[in-house]
Structure formats: C-alpha cells, structure tokens
C-alpha atoms as a PDB file:
ATOM      1  CA  VAL A   1      24.432 -98.311 -29.935  1.00  0.00           C
ATOM      2  CA  GLN A   2      24.919 -94.887 -31.560  1.00  0.00           C
ATOM      3  CA  LEU A   3      27.952 -94.086 -33.766  1.00  0.00           C
ATOM      4  CA  GLN A   4      28.683 -90.472 -34.889  1.00  0.00           C
ATOM      5  CA  ALA A   5      31.334 -89.897 -37.487  1.00  0.00           C
ATOM      6  CA  SER A   6      32.732 -86.354 -38.192  1.00  0.00           C
ATOM      7  CA  GLY A   7      35.519 -84.758 -40.130  1.00  0.00           C
ATOM      8  CA  GLY A   8      34.872 -85.567 -43.712  1.00  0.00           C
ATOM      9  CA  GLY A   9      35.185 -83.028 -46.496  1.00  0.00           C
ATOM     10  CA  SER A  10      36.912 -82.074 -49.748  1.00  0.00           C
ATOM     11  CA  VAL A  11      40.727 -82.268 -50.157  1.00  0.00           C
ATOM     12  CA  GLN A  12      43.139 -82.008 -52.976  1.00  0.00           C
ATOM     13  CA  PRO A  13      45.165 -85.146 -54.049  1.00  0.00           C
ATOM     14  CA  GLY A  14      47.917 -85.597 -51.623  1.00  0.00           C
ATOM     15  CA  GLY A  15      46.188 -83.978 -48.823  1.00  0.00           C
ATOM     16  CA  SER A  16      45.136 -85.200 -45.522  1.00  0.00           C
ATOM     17  CA  LEU A  17      41.943 -85.444 -43.472  1.00  0.00           C
ATOM     18  CA  ARG A  18      41.169 -86.716 -39.944  1.00  0.00           C
ATOM     19  CA  LEU A  19      38.014 -88.581 -39.301  1.00  0.00           C
ATOM     20  CA  SER A  20      36.573 -88.949 -35.603  1.00  0.00           C
ATOM     21  CA  CYS A  21      33.819 -91.245 -34.399  1.00  0.00           C
ATOM     22  CA  HIS A  22      32.168 -91.139 -31.034  1.00  0.00           C
ATOM     23  CA  ALA A  23      30.326 -94.203 -29.758  1.00  0.00           C
ATOM     24  CA  SER A  24      27.729 -94.578 -27.124  1.00  0.00           C
ATOM     25  CA  GLY A  25      25.645 -97.475 -25.908  1.00  0.00           C
ATOM     26  CA  ILE A  26      28.447 -99.914 -25.618  1.00  0.00           C
ATOM     27  CA  ASN A  27      31.228-100.586 -23.235  1.00  0.00           C
ATOM     28  CA  PHE A  28      33.673 -99.022 -25.438  1.00  0.00           C
ATOM     29  CA  ARG A  29      36.829-100.215 -24.121  1.00  0.00           C
ATOM     30  CA  LEU A  30      35.769-103.948 -24.787  1.00  0.00           C
ATOM     31  CA  HIS A  31      34.823-103.497 -28.483  1.00  0.00           C
ATOM     32  CA  THR A  32      36.896-103.548 -31.586  1.00  0.00           C
ATOM     33  CA  MET A  33      36.240-100.184 -33.621  1.00  0.00           C
ATOM     34  CA  SER A  34      36.273-100.295 -37.304  1.00  0.00           C
ATOM     35  CA  TRP A  35      36.188 -97.896 -40.386  1.00  0.00           C
ATOM     36  CA  PHE A  36      34.679 -99.003 -43.619  1.00  0.00           C
ATOM     37  CA  ARG A  37      34.136 -97.114 -46.798  1.00  0.00           C
ATOM     38  CA  GLN A  38      32.015 -97.312 -49.733  1.00  0.00           C
ATOM     39  CA  ALA A  39      32.688 -95.480 -53.064  1.00  0.00           C
ATOM     40  CA  LEU A  40      29.919 -94.958 -55.600  1.00  0.00           C
ATOM     41  CA  GLY A  41      29.285 -98.172 -57.539  1.00  0.00           C
ATOM     42  CA  LYS A  42      31.439-100.136 -55.432  1.00  0.00           C
ATOM     43  CA  GLN A  43      31.147-102.632 -52.362  1.00  0.00           C
ATOM     44  CA  ARG A  44      31.799-101.384 -48.911  1.00  0.00           C
ATOM     45  CA  GLU A  45      35.252-102.370 -47.736  1.00  0.00           C
ATOM     46  CA  MET A  46      37.123-102.351 -44.458  1.00  0.00           C
ATOM     47  CA  VAL A  47      39.646 -99.586 -44.107  1.00  0.00           C
ATOM     48  CA  ALA A  48      41.106-100.024 -40.671  1.00  0.00           C
ATOM     49  CA  GLN A  49      40.093-101.687 -37.441  1.00  0.00           C
ATOM     50  CA  ILE A  50      41.474-101.358 -33.925  1.00  0.00           C
ATOM     51  CA  PRO A  51      40.702-103.924 -31.287  1.00  0.00           C
ATOM     52  CA  SER A  52      40.686-103.005 -27.559  1.00  0.00           C
ATOM     53  CA  GLY A  53      44.261-103.297 -26.622  1.00  0.00           C
ATOM     54  CA  GLY A  54      45.227-105.003 -29.665  1.00  0.00           C
ATOM     55  CA  VAL A  55      47.103-104.346 -32.977  1.00  0.00           C
ATOM     56  CA  PRO A  56      45.426-102.397 -35.623  1.00  0.00           C
ATOM     57  CA  ASP A  57      44.712-103.825 -38.937  1.00  0.00           C
ATOM     58  CA  TYR A  58      44.252-102.070 -42.409  1.00  0.00           C
ATOM     59  CA  GLY A  59      42.871-102.776 -45.806  1.00  0.00           C
ATOM     60  CA  ASP A  60      45.635-103.600 -48.333  1.00  0.00           C
ATOM     61  CA  PHE A  61      45.058-100.329 -50.140  1.00  0.00           C
ATOM     62  CA  VAL A  62      46.022 -98.265 -47.244  1.00  0.00           C
ATOM     63  CA  ALA A  63      49.655 -99.056 -47.764  1.00  0.00           C
ATOM     64  CA  GLY A  64      50.844 -97.189 -44.704  1.00  0.00           C
ATOM     65  CA  ARG A  65      48.785 -93.857 -45.518  1.00  0.00           C
ATOM     66  CA  PHE A  66      46.376 -94.053 -42.753  1.00  0.00           C
ATOM     67  CA  THR A  67      46.577 -94.494 -38.942  1.00  0.00           C
ATOM     68  CA  VAL A  68      43.670 -95.638 -36.707  1.00  0.00           C
ATOM     69  CA  SER A  69      43.589 -94.815 -33.075  1.00  0.00           C
ATOM     70  CA  ARG A  70      41.335 -95.004 -30.076  1.00  0.00           C
ATOM     71  CA  ASP A  71      40.576 -93.087 -26.887  1.00  0.00           C
ATOM     72  CA  ASN A  72      38.774 -95.413 -24.478  1.00  0.00           C
ATOM     73  CA  VAL A  73      38.141 -92.483 -21.981  1.00  0.00           C
ATOM     74  CA  ARG A  74      36.615 -90.173 -24.695  1.00  0.00           C
ATOM     75  CA  ARG A  75      34.889 -93.136 -26.302  1.00  0.00           C
ATOM     76  CA  THR A  76      36.198 -92.116 -29.740  1.00  0.00           C
ATOM     77  CA  THR A  77      38.164 -93.647 -32.574  1.00  0.00           C
ATOM     78  CA  ALA A  78      40.168 -91.512 -35.157  1.00  0.00           C
ATOM     79  CA  LEU A  79      41.370 -92.135 -38.741  1.00  0.00           C
ATOM     80  CA  GLU A  80      44.255 -90.063 -39.795  1.00  0.00           C
ATOM     81  CA  MET A  81      44.527 -90.134 -43.507  1.00  0.00           C
ATOM     82  CA  THR A  82      47.396 -88.858 -45.437  1.00  0.00           C
ATOM     83  CA  SER A  83      48.591 -88.899 -48.980  1.00  0.00           C
ATOM     84  CA  LEU A  84      44.914 -89.052 -50.258  1.00  0.00           C
ATOM     85  CA  THR A  85      44.166 -89.891 -53.926  1.00  0.00           C
ATOM     86  CA  PRO A  86      40.936 -89.620 -55.901  1.00  0.00           C
ATOM     87  CA  ASP A  87      40.539 -93.404 -55.363  1.00  0.00           C
ATOM     88  CA  ASP A  88      39.953 -92.620 -51.643  1.00  0.00           C
ATOM     89  CA  THR A  89      36.856 -90.677 -52.429  1.00  0.00           C
ATOM     90  CA  ALA A  90      33.918 -92.388 -50.646  1.00  0.00           C
ATOM     91  CA  VAL A  91      31.568 -92.307 -47.849  1.00  0.00           C
ATOM     92  CA  TYR A  92      33.333 -93.571 -44.632  1.00  0.00           C
ATOM     93  CA  TYR A  93      31.641 -95.340 -41.843  1.00  0.00           C
ATOM     94  CA  CYS A  94      32.426 -96.063 -38.324  1.00  0.00           C
ATOM     95  CA  SER A  95      31.266 -99.457 -37.225  1.00  0.00           C
ATOM     96  CA  THR A  96      31.309-101.767 -34.209  1.00  0.00           C
ATOM     97  CA  THR A  97      29.744-104.998 -33.380  1.00  0.00           C
ATOM     98  CA  ARG A  98      27.639-105.839 -30.146  1.00  0.00           C
ATOM     99  CA  GLN A  99      26.185-109.230 -29.322  1.00  0.00           C
ATOM    100  CA  GLY A 100      26.859-110.489 -32.886  1.00  0.00           C
ATOM    101  CA  ARG A 101      25.108-107.551 -34.552  1.00  0.00           C
ATOM    102  CA  GLN A 102      27.029-105.046 -36.607  1.00  0.00           C
ATOM    103  CA  PHE A 103      26.220-101.333 -36.075  1.00  0.00           C
ATOM    104  CA  TRP A 104      26.956 -98.404 -38.481  1.00  0.00           C
ATOM    105  CA  GLY A 105      27.276 -94.792 -38.090  1.00  0.00           C
ATOM    106  CA  PRO A 106      25.708 -92.557 -40.674  1.00  0.00           C
ATOM    107  CA  GLY A 107      28.819 -92.032 -42.592  1.00  0.00           C
ATOM    108  CA  THR A 108      30.831 -89.025 -43.610  1.00  0.00           C
ATOM    109  CA  LEU A 109      31.758 -88.110 -47.115  1.00  0.00           C
ATOM    110  CA  VAL A 110      35.438 -87.814 -48.105  1.00  0.00           C
ATOM    111  CA  THR A 111      36.035 -86.149 -51.662  1.00  0.00           C
ATOM    112  CA  VAL A 112      39.581 -85.969 -53.170  1.00  0.00           C
ATOM    113  CA  SER A 113      39.645 -83.842 -56.068  1.00  0.00           C
ATOM    114  CA  SER A 114      41.843 -81.224 -57.675  1.00  0.00           C
END
C-alpha cells in the first residue's frame, strides 16, 4: 500500500488549503480513507474519514470548516480546509487500513501563521 499526500504549505489565519492523497496497492473503492494530523508535541488525532459510500466523519475540532471527499476512479481523497487557525498547524497524514494493518503516507506540513 502506498499513500502520497500533497497540497500542504503555509497560509495566513482565515485562509484555505486543499490536501490530496493518492492511494495504490488497495482496492480503493472498498476502503475507508482517513486524514490524521500531528502537531508538534501533541498526539496524532483524526481529522476526517470517509468510508466507501458512507457518511464522512470529522474530529470535533473541525466544527464544519473542513470537507473530506473521495474519487474512486482517480483513487484519491481530498481534504478541503477553510477558516484555518494557527491551531491547525500540523503534519497531515493520509491513512487507510488493509487486512487489519494501518498504513500511513509520509505526511504533508500545514503551517498557519501571520
């Protein structure tokens, strides 16, 4: 399983970013795709997840600011983030599970700063 995320970068508070993750090595349409993040000195936390054909789920802190989506043809999942704050600064990871094992992409850094 290979996961490759892209789209991170620096943005000012209140700004927006779109992350994308391409997956290979899995039957993509059958797998829940997830986004996690880890800020410096903090535990990794779930940002959003989207089951195949199911209803997306979000961490409480998202509060309607982010939208997760998937494209089963392109084997990608996207995370649209708006109204970003400095608290959203973290490394964001794309993740999925296969046969009981969790796989992680290498992560992409999002920095929210004025």
